[in-house]
């Protein structure tokens, strides 16, 4: 049985990485705050969808790189759905 990573686990992973993911940690924190304000709770799926929407709407190449990096890290830390 695979253990589910929560958004808190993902954020903690980012924070524990030191300066390596400083910008990505800031983006993830802002994403979690925005989702919490809008929906009251956060899921890994909501984080991924929010980052995808931000990536698609951004025209700033640097911001796109940061969003893409954050998204890759979140997806890498999120276990696959066992029922798919």
PDB file of N, CA and C in Angstrom:
ATOM      1  N   UNK A   1       0.843  -1.179   0.000  1.00  0.00           N
ATOM      2  CA  UNK A   1       0.000   0.000   0.000  1.00  0.00           C
ATOM      3  C   UNK A   1       0.887   1.240   0.000  1.00  0.00           C
ATOM      4  N   UNK A   2       0.566   2.162  -0.868  1.00  0.00           N
ATOM      5  CA  UNK A   2       1.377   3.361  -1.022  1.00  0.00           C
ATOM      6  C   UNK A   2       0.864   4.460  -0.108  1.00  0.00           C
ATOM      7  N   UNK A   3       1.775   5.136   0.580  1.00  0.00           N
ATOM      8  CA  UNK A   3       1.397   6.219   1.484  1.00  0.00           C
ATOM      9  C   UNK A   3       1.191   7.498   0.687  1.00  0.00           C
ATOM     10  N   UNK A   4       0.116   8.223   0.974  1.00  0.00           N
ATOM     11  CA  UNK A   4      -0.191   9.472   0.287  1.00  0.00           C
ATOM     12  C   UNK A   4       0.643  10.613   0.848  1.00  0.00           C
ATOM     13  N   UNK A   5       1.198  11.443  -0.027  1.00  0.00           N
ATOM     14  CA  UNK A   5       1.880  12.663   0.396  1.00  0.00           C
ATOM     15  C   UNK A   5       0.841  13.761   0.509  1.00  0.00           C
ATOM     16  N   UNK A   6       0.881  14.508   1.566  1.00  0.00           N
ATOM     17  CA  UNK A   6      -0.031  15.639   1.696  1.00  0.00           C
ATOM     18  C   UNK A   6       0.677  16.901   1.237  1.00  0.00           C
ATOM     19  N   UNK A   7      -0.110  17.966   1.089  1.00  0.00           N
ATOM     20  CA  UNK A   7       0.487  19.241   0.690  1.00  0.00           C
ATOM     21  C   UNK A   7       1.483  19.720   1.731  1.00  0.00           C
ATOM     22  N   UNK A   8       1.236  19.396   3.002  1.00  0.00           N
ATOM     23  CA  UNK A   8       2.175  19.783   4.058  1.00  0.00           C
ATOM     24  C   UNK A   8       3.498  19.038   3.898  1.00  0.00           C
ATOM     25  N   UNK A   9       3.436  17.766   3.508  1.00  0.00           N
ATOM     26  CA  UNK A   9       4.654  16.992   3.272  1.00  0.00           C
ATOM     27  C   UNK A   9       5.458  17.587   2.116  1.00  0.00           C
ATOM     28  N   UNK A  10       4.761  17.974   1.069  1.00  0.00           N
ATOM     29  CA  UNK A  10       5.432  18.552  -0.094  1.00  0.00           C
ATOM     30  C   UNK A  10       6.083  19.879   0.281  1.00  0.00           C
ATOM     31  N   UNK A  11       5.337  20.730   0.986  1.00  0.00           N
ATOM     32  CA  UNK A  11       5.884  22.018   1.392  1.00  0.00           C
ATOM     33  C   UNK A  11       7.075  21.826   2.323  1.00  0.00           C
ATOM     34  N   UNK A  12       6.985  20.872   3.230  1.00  0.00           N
ATOM     35  CA  UNK A  12       8.095  20.591   4.151  1.00  0.00           C
ATOM     36  C   UNK A  12       9.332  20.117   3.381  1.00  0.00           C
ATOM     37  N   UNK A  13       9.128  19.294   2.361  1.00  0.00           N
ATOM     38  CA  UNK A  13      10.234  18.832   1.519  1.00  0.00           C
ATOM     39  C   UNK A  13      10.926  20.022   0.872  1.00  0.00           C
ATOM     40  N   UNK A  14      10.141  20.953   0.332  1.00  0.00           N
ATOM     41  CA  UNK A  14      10.706  22.143  -0.301  1.00  0.00           C
ATOM     42  C   UNK A  14      11.502  22.951   0.714  1.00  0.00           C
ATOM     43  N   UNK A  15      10.913  23.187   1.878  1.00  0.00           N
ATOM     44  CA  UNK A  15      11.566  23.995   2.906  1.00  0.00           C
ATOM     45  C   UNK A  15      12.842  23.338   3.416  1.00  0.00           C
ATOM     46  N   UNK A  16      12.852  22.019   3.511  1.00  0.00           N
ATOM     47  CA  UNK A  16      14.019  21.316   4.041  1.00  0.00           C
ATOM     48  C   UNK A  16      15.162  21.235   3.031  1.00  0.00           C
ATOM     49  N   UNK A  17      14.911  21.661   1.811  1.00  0.00           N
ATOM     50  CA  UNK A  17      15.934  21.614   0.769  1.00  0.00           C
ATOM     51  C   UNK A  17      16.862  22.815   0.809  1.00  0.00           C
ATOM     52  N   UNK A  18      16.690  23.669   1.812  1.00  0.00           N
ATOM     53  CA  UNK A  18      17.560  24.832   1.953  1.00  0.00           C
ATOM     54  C   UNK A  18      17.345  25.831   0.842  1.00  0.00           C
ATOM     55  N   UNK A  19      18.430  26.399   0.357  1.00  0.00           N
ATOM     56  CA  UNK A  19      18.361  27.432  -0.674  1.00  0.00           C
ATOM     57  C   UNK A  19      18.125  26.870  -2.075  1.00  0.00           C
ATOM     58  N   UNK A  20      18.169  25.557  -2.200  1.00  0.00           N
ATOM     59  CA  UNK A  20      18.045  24.928  -3.517  1.00  0.00           C
ATOM     60  C   UNK A  20      16.720  25.263  -4.197  1.00  0.00           C
ATOM     61  N   UNK A  21      15.619  25.267  -3.431  1.00  0.00           N
ATOM     62  CA  UNK A  21      14.293  25.504  -4.001  1.00  0.00           C
ATOM     63  C   UNK A  21      13.603  26.714  -3.373  1.00  0.00           C
ATOM     64  N   UNK A  22      14.343  27.752  -3.073  1.00  0.00           N
ATOM     65  CA  UNK A  22      13.777  28.927  -2.412  1.00  0.00           C
ATOM     66  C   UNK A  22      12.618  29.523  -3.208  1.00  0.00           C
ATOM     67  N   UNK A  23      12.816  29.767  -4.464  1.00  0.00           N
ATOM     68  CA  UNK A  23      11.777  30.373  -5.298  1.00  0.00           C
ATOM     69  C   UNK A  23      10.589  29.439  -5.449  1.00  0.00           C
ATOM     70  N   UNK A  24      10.860  28.163  -5.660  1.00  0.00           N
ATOM     71  CA  UNK A  24       9.783  27.193  -5.792  1.00  0.00           C
ATOM     72  C   UNK A  24       8.978  27.077  -4.500  1.00  0.00           C
ATOM     73  N   UNK A  25       9.663  27.176  -3.352  1.00  0.00           N
ATOM     74  CA  UNK A  25       8.980  27.128  -2.056  1.00  0.00           C
ATOM     75  C   UNK A  25       8.044  28.316  -1.916  1.00  0.00           C
ATOM     76  N   UNK A  26       8.484  29.487  -2.346  1.00  0.00           N
ATOM     77  CA  UNK A  26       7.642  30.681  -2.298  1.00  0.00           C
ATOM     78  C   UNK A  26       6.413  30.512  -3.190  1.00  0.00           C
ATOM     79  N   UNK A  27       6.611  29.980  -4.388  1.00  0.00           N
ATOM     80  CA  UNK A  27       5.499  29.757  -5.316  1.00  0.00           C
ATOM     81  C   UNK A  27       4.525  28.737  -4.732  1.00  0.00           C
ATOM     82  N   UNK A  28       5.049  27.661  -4.172  1.00  0.00           N
ATOM     83  CA  UNK A  28       4.189  26.637  -3.591  1.00  0.00           C
ATOM     84  C   UNK A  28       3.407  27.185  -2.405  1.00  0.00           C
ATOM     85  N   UNK A  29       4.060  27.955  -1.551  1.00  0.00           N
ATOM     86  CA  UNK A  29       3.384  28.555  -0.406  1.00  0.00           C
ATOM     87  C   UNK A  29       2.254  29.475  -0.842  1.00  0.00           C
ATOM     88  N   UNK A  30       2.515  30.300  -1.846  1.00  0.00           N
ATOM     89  CA  UNK A  30       1.482  31.209  -2.366  1.00  0.00           C
ATOM     90  C   UNK A  30       0.333  30.419  -2.986  1.00  0.00           C
ATOM     91  N   UNK A  31       0.669  29.352  -3.685  1.00  0.00           N
ATOM     92  CA  UNK A  31      -0.351  28.495  -4.297  1.00  0.00           C
ATOM     93  C   UNK A  31      -1.249  27.878  -3.232  1.00  0.00           C
ATOM     94  N   UNK A  32      -0.653  27.359  -2.185  1.00  0.00           N
ATOM     95  CA  UNK A  32      -1.422  26.741  -1.102  1.00  0.00           C
ATOM     96  C   UNK A  32      -2.317  27.778  -0.427  1.00  0.00           C
ATOM     97  N   UNK A  33      -1.800  28.991  -0.202  1.00  0.00           N
ATOM     98  CA  UNK A  33      -2.614  30.050   0.406  1.00  0.00           C
ATOM     99  C   UNK A  33      -3.795  30.428  -0.480  1.00  0.00           C
ATOM    100  N   UNK A  34      -3.553  30.544  -1.784  1.00  0.00           N
ATOM    101  CA  UNK A  34      -4.629  30.903  -2.713  1.00  0.00           C
ATOM    102  C   UNK A  34      -5.703  29.821  -2.764  1.00  0.00           C
ATOM    103  N   UNK A  35      -5.291  28.573  -2.807  1.00  0.00           N
ATOM    104  CA  UNK A  35      -6.255  27.472  -2.850  1.00  0.00           C
ATOM    105  C   UNK A  35      -7.041  27.408  -1.542  1.00  0.00           C
ATOM    106  N   UNK A  36      -6.356  27.574  -0.426  1.00  0.00           N
ATOM    107  CA  UNK A  36      -7.022  27.544   0.878  1.00  0.00           C
ATOM    108  C   UNK A  36      -8.053  28.666   0.976  1.00  0.00           C
ATOM    109  N   UNK A  37      -7.704  29.851   0.518  1.00  0.00           N
ATOM    110  CA  UNK A  37      -8.633  30.982   0.561  1.00  0.00           C
ATOM    111  C   UNK A  37      -9.861  30.736  -0.315  1.00  0.00           C
ATOM    112  N   UNK A  38      -9.655  30.090  -1.444  1.00  0.00           N
ATOM    113  CA  UNK A  38     -10.752  29.868  -2.387  1.00  0.00           C
ATOM    114  C   UNK A  38     -11.613  28.665  -2.021  1.00  0.00           C
ATOM    115  N   UNK A  39     -10.986  27.582  -1.537  1.00  0.00           N
ATOM    116  CA  UNK A  39     -11.715  26.330  -1.336  1.00  0.00           C
ATOM    117  C   UNK A  39     -11.765  25.861   0.112  1.00  0.00           C
ATOM    118  N   UNK A  40     -10.911  26.402   0.949  1.00  0.00           N
ATOM    119  CA  UNK A  40     -10.903  25.996   2.348  1.00  0.00           C
ATOM    120  C   UNK A  40     -10.034  24.797   2.650  1.00  0.00           C
ATOM    121  N   UNK A  41      -9.669  24.029   1.652  1.00  0.00           N
ATOM    122  CA  UNK A  41      -8.773  22.886   1.838  1.00  0.00           C
ATOM    123  C   UNK A  41      -7.918  22.710   0.578  1.00  0.00           C
ATOM    124  N   UNK A  42      -6.808  22.017   0.753  1.00  0.00           N
ATOM    125  CA  UNK A  42      -5.843  21.860  -0.334  1.00  0.00           C
ATOM    126  C   UNK A  42      -5.597  20.380  -0.575  1.00  0.00           C
ATOM    127  N   UNK A  43      -5.529  20.003  -1.840  1.00  0.00           N
ATOM    128  CA  UNK A  43      -5.147  18.646  -2.217  1.00  0.00           C
ATOM    129  C   UNK A  43      -3.978  18.738  -3.193  1.00  0.00           C
ATOM    130  N   UNK A  44      -3.286  17.626  -3.361  1.00  0.00           N
ATOM    131  CA  UNK A  44      -2.193  17.599  -4.334  1.00  0.00           C
ATOM    132  C   UNK A  44      -2.720  17.913  -5.732  1.00  0.00           C
ATOM    133  N   UNK A  45      -3.888  17.367  -6.050  1.00  0.00           N
ATOM    134  CA  UNK A  45      -4.491  17.614  -7.360  1.00  0.00           C
ATOM    135  C   UNK A  45      -4.778  19.104  -7.554  1.00  0.00           C
ATOM    136  N   UNK A  46      -5.296  19.753  -6.527  1.00  0.00           N
ATOM    137  CA  UNK A  46      -5.585  21.190  -6.618  1.00  0.00           C
ATOM    138  C   UNK A  46      -4.307  21.996  -6.841  1.00  0.00           C
ATOM    139  N   UNK A  47      -3.230  21.602  -6.168  1.00  0.00           N
ATOM    140  CA  UNK A  47      -1.947  22.286  -6.347  1.00  0.00           C
ATOM    141  C   UNK A  47      -1.481  22.144  -7.788  1.00  0.00           C
ATOM    142  N   UNK A  48      -1.528  20.919  -8.303  1.00  0.00           N
ATOM    143  CA  UNK A  48      -1.075  20.652  -9.664  1.00  0.00           C
ATOM    144  C   UNK A  48      -1.906  21.435 -10.677  1.00  0.00           C
ATOM    145  N   UNK A  49      -3.235  21.409 -10.515  1.00  0.00           N
ATOM    146  CA  UNK A  49      -4.108  22.136 -11.440  1.00  0.00           C
ATOM    147  C   UNK A  49      -3.875  23.644 -11.375  1.00  0.00           C
ATOM    148  N   UNK A  50      -3.658  24.150 -10.186  1.00  0.00           N
ATOM    149  CA  UNK A  50      -3.396  25.591 -10.018  1.00  0.00           C
ATOM    150  C   UNK A  50      -2.089  25.982 -10.706  1.00  0.00           C
ATOM    151  N   UNK A  51      -1.065  25.177 -10.515  1.00  0.00           N
ATOM    152  CA  UNK A  51       0.229  25.469 -11.149  1.00  0.00           C
ATOM    153  C   UNK A  51       0.134  25.368 -12.666  1.00  0.00           C
ATOM    154  N   UNK A  52      -0.613  24.389 -13.170  1.00  0.00           N
ATOM    155  CA  UNK A  52      -0.810  24.265 -14.623  1.00  0.00           C
ATOM    156  C   UNK A  52      -1.525  25.494 -15.188  1.00  0.00           C
ATOM    157  N   UNK A  53      -2.562  25.945 -14.493  1.00  0.00           N
ATOM    158  CA  UNK A  53      -3.297  27.129 -14.950  1.00  0.00           C
ATOM    159  C   UNK A  53      -2.396  28.361 -14.949  1.00  0.00           C
ATOM    160  N   UNK A  54      -1.589  28.506 -13.907  1.00  0.00           N
ATOM    161  CA  UNK A  54      -0.665  29.640 -13.835  1.00  0.00           C
ATOM    162  C   UNK A  54       0.371  29.568 -14.950  1.00  0.00           C
ATOM    163  N   UNK A  55       0.855  28.368 -15.222  1.00  0.00           N
ATOM    164  CA  UNK A  55       1.843  28.172 -16.284  1.00  0.00           C
ATOM    165  C   UNK A  55       1.254  28.523 -17.647  1.00  0.00           C
ATOM    166  N   UNK A  56       0.028  28.091 -17.885  1.00  0.00           N
ATOM    167  CA  UNK A  56      -0.621  28.363 -19.171  1.00  0.00           C
ATOM    168  C   UNK A  56      -0.929  29.846 -19.372  1.00  0.00           C
ATOM    169  N   UNK A  57      -1.198  30.566 -18.294  1.00  0.00           N
ATOM    170  CA  UNK A  57      -1.577  31.974 -18.433  1.00  0.00           C
ATOM    171  C   UNK A  57      -0.394  32.937 -18.372  1.00  0.00           C
ATOM    172  N   UNK A  58       0.762  32.454 -17.963  1.00  0.00           N
ATOM    173  CA  UNK A  58       1.933  33.322 -17.841  1.00  0.00           C
ATOM    174  C   UNK A  58       2.592  33.550 -19.206  1.00  0.00           C
ATOM    175  N   UNK A  59       2.996  34.771 -19.426  1.00  0.00           N
ATOM    176  CA  UNK A  59       3.735  35.105 -20.643  1.00  0.00           C
ATOM    177  C   UNK A  59       5.197  35.411 -20.336  1.00  0.00           C
ATOM    178  N   UNK A  60       5.551  35.443 -19.072  1.00  0.00           N
ATOM    179  CA  UNK A  60       6.912  35.724 -18.618  1.00  0.00           C
ATOM    180  C   UNK A  60       7.717  34.422 -18.624  1.00  0.00           C
ATOM    181  N   UNK A  61       8.756  34.366 -19.437  1.00  0.00           N
ATOM    182  CA  UNK A  61       9.548  33.156 -19.598  1.00  0.00           C
ATOM    183  C   UNK A  61      10.190  32.719 -18.283  1.00  0.00           C
ATOM    184  N   UNK A  62      10.700  33.655 -17.517  1.00  0.00           N
ATOM    185  CA  UNK A  62      11.315  33.327 -16.235  1.00  0.00           C
ATOM    186  C   UNK A  62      10.275  32.747 -15.279  1.00  0.00           C
ATOM    187  N   UNK A  63       9.108  33.378 -15.215  1.00  0.00           N
ATOM    188  CA  UNK A  63       8.033  32.876 -14.354  1.00  0.00           C
ATOM    189  C   UNK A  63       7.586  31.492 -14.811  1.00  0.00           C
ATOM    190  N   UNK A  64       7.525  31.261 -16.101  1.00  0.00           N
ATOM    191  CA  UNK A  64       7.157  29.947 -16.632  1.00  0.00           C
ATOM    192  C   UNK A  64       8.157  28.884 -16.180  1.00  0.00           C
ATOM    193  N   UNK A  65       9.440  29.208 -16.209  1.00  0.00           N
ATOM    194  CA  UNK A  65      10.471  28.261 -15.758  1.00  0.00           C
ATOM    195  C   UNK A  65      10.305  27.923 -14.279  1.00  0.00           C
ATOM    196  N   UNK A  66      10.002  28.925 -13.463  1.00  0.00           N
ATOM    197  CA  UNK A  66       9.815  28.705 -12.025  1.00  0.00           C
ATOM    198  C   UNK A  66       8.574  27.858 -11.781  1.00  0.00           C
ATOM    199  N   UNK A  67       7.488  28.187 -12.467  1.00  0.00           N
ATOM    200  CA  UNK A  67       6.257  27.405 -12.323  1.00  0.00           C
ATOM    201  C   UNK A  67       6.459  25.966 -12.783  1.00  0.00           C
ATOM    202  N   UNK A  68       7.151  25.786 -13.893  1.00  0.00           N
ATOM    203  CA  UNK A  68       7.420  24.446 -14.422  1.00  0.00           C
ATOM    204  C   UNK A  68       8.259  23.639 -13.437  1.00  0.00           C
ATOM    205  N   UNK A  69       9.267  24.256 -12.885  1.00  0.00           N
ATOM    206  CA  UNK A  69      10.120  23.584 -11.911  1.00  0.00           C
ATOM    207  C   UNK A  69       9.327  23.192 -10.670  1.00  0.00           C
ATOM    208  N   UNK A  70       8.490  24.105 -10.191  1.00  0.00           N
ATOM    209  CA  UNK A  70       7.647  23.822  -9.024  1.00  0.00           C
ATOM    210  C   UNK A  70       6.697  22.676  -9.335  1.00  0.00           C
ATOM    211  N   UNK A  71       6.084  22.717 -10.493  1.00  0.00           N
ATOM    212  CA  UNK A  71       5.157  21.669 -10.901  1.00  0.00           C
ATOM    213  C   UNK A  71       5.860  20.312 -10.987  1.00  0.00           C
ATOM    214  N   UNK A  72       7.028  20.280 -11.575  1.00  0.00           N
ATOM    215  CA  UNK A  72       7.785  19.028 -11.677  1.00  0.00           C
ATOM    216  C   UNK A  72       8.106  18.459 -10.300  1.00  0.00           C
ATOM    217  N   UNK A  73       8.473  19.318  -9.378  1.00  0.00           N
ATOM    218  CA  UNK A  73       8.794  18.856  -8.027  1.00  0.00           C
ATOM    219  C   UNK A  73       7.557  18.331  -7.310  1.00  0.00           C
ATOM    220  N   UNK A  74       6.428  19.020  -7.460  1.00  0.00           N
ATOM    221  CA  UNK A  74       5.187  18.573  -6.817  1.00  0.00           C
ATOM    222  C   UNK A  74       4.744  17.234  -7.407  1.00  0.00           C
ATOM    223  N   UNK A  75       4.759  17.130  -8.717  1.00  0.00           N
ATOM    224  CA  UNK A  75       4.351  15.880  -9.358  1.00  0.00           C
ATOM    225  C   UNK A  75       5.286  14.738  -8.945  1.00  0.00           C
ATOM    226  N   UNK A  76       6.558  15.032  -8.836  1.00  0.00           N
ATOM    227  CA  UNK A  76       7.527  14.017  -8.422  1.00  0.00           C
ATOM    228  C   UNK A  76       7.331  13.549  -6.992  1.00  0.00           C
ATOM    229  N   UNK A  77       6.757  14.393  -6.146  1.00  0.00           N
ATOM    230  CA  UNK A  77       6.529  14.051  -4.731  1.00  0.00           C
ATOM    231  C   UNK A  77       5.120  13.515  -4.500  1.00  0.00           C
ATOM    232  N   UNK A  78       4.259  13.514  -5.524  1.00  0.00           N
ATOM    233  CA  UNK A  78       2.884  13.060  -5.397  1.00  0.00           C
ATOM    234  C   UNK A  78       2.786  11.631  -5.917  1.00  0.00           C
ATOM    235  N   UNK A  79       2.318  10.702  -5.079  1.00  0.00           N
ATOM    236  CA  UNK A  79       2.205   9.307  -5.532  1.00  0.00           C
ATOM    237  C   UNK A  79       1.137   9.171  -6.615  1.00  0.00           C
ATOM    238  N   UNK A  80       1.306   8.155  -7.463  1.00  0.00           N
ATOM    239  CA  UNK A  80       0.324   7.864  -8.491  1.00  0.00           C
ATOM    240  C   UNK A  80      -0.980   7.405  -7.861  1.00  0.00           C
ATOM    241  N   UNK A  81      -2.075   7.657  -8.554  1.00  0.00           N
ATOM    242  CA  UNK A  81      -3.375   7.146  -8.086  1.00  0.00           C
ATOM    243  C   UNK A  81      -3.381   5.634  -8.238  1.00  0.00           C
ATOM    244  N   UNK A  82      -3.745   4.932  -7.191  1.00  0.00           N
ATOM    245  CA  UNK A  82      -3.712   3.470  -7.221  1.00  0.00           C
ATOM    246  C   UNK A  82      -4.890   2.878  -7.997  1.00  0.00           C
ATOM    247  N   UNK A  83      -5.944   3.650  -8.215  1.00  0.00           N
ATOM    248  CA  UNK A  83      -7.125   3.112  -8.893  1.00  0.00           C
ATOM    249  C   UNK A  83      -7.171   3.423 -10.378  1.00  0.00           C
ATOM    250  N   UNK A  84      -6.105   3.915 -10.940  1.00  0.00           N
ATOM    251  CA  UNK A  84      -6.084   4.249 -12.382  1.00  0.00           C
ATOM    252  C   UNK A  84      -5.385   3.140 -13.127  1.00  0.00           C
TER     253      UNK A  84
END
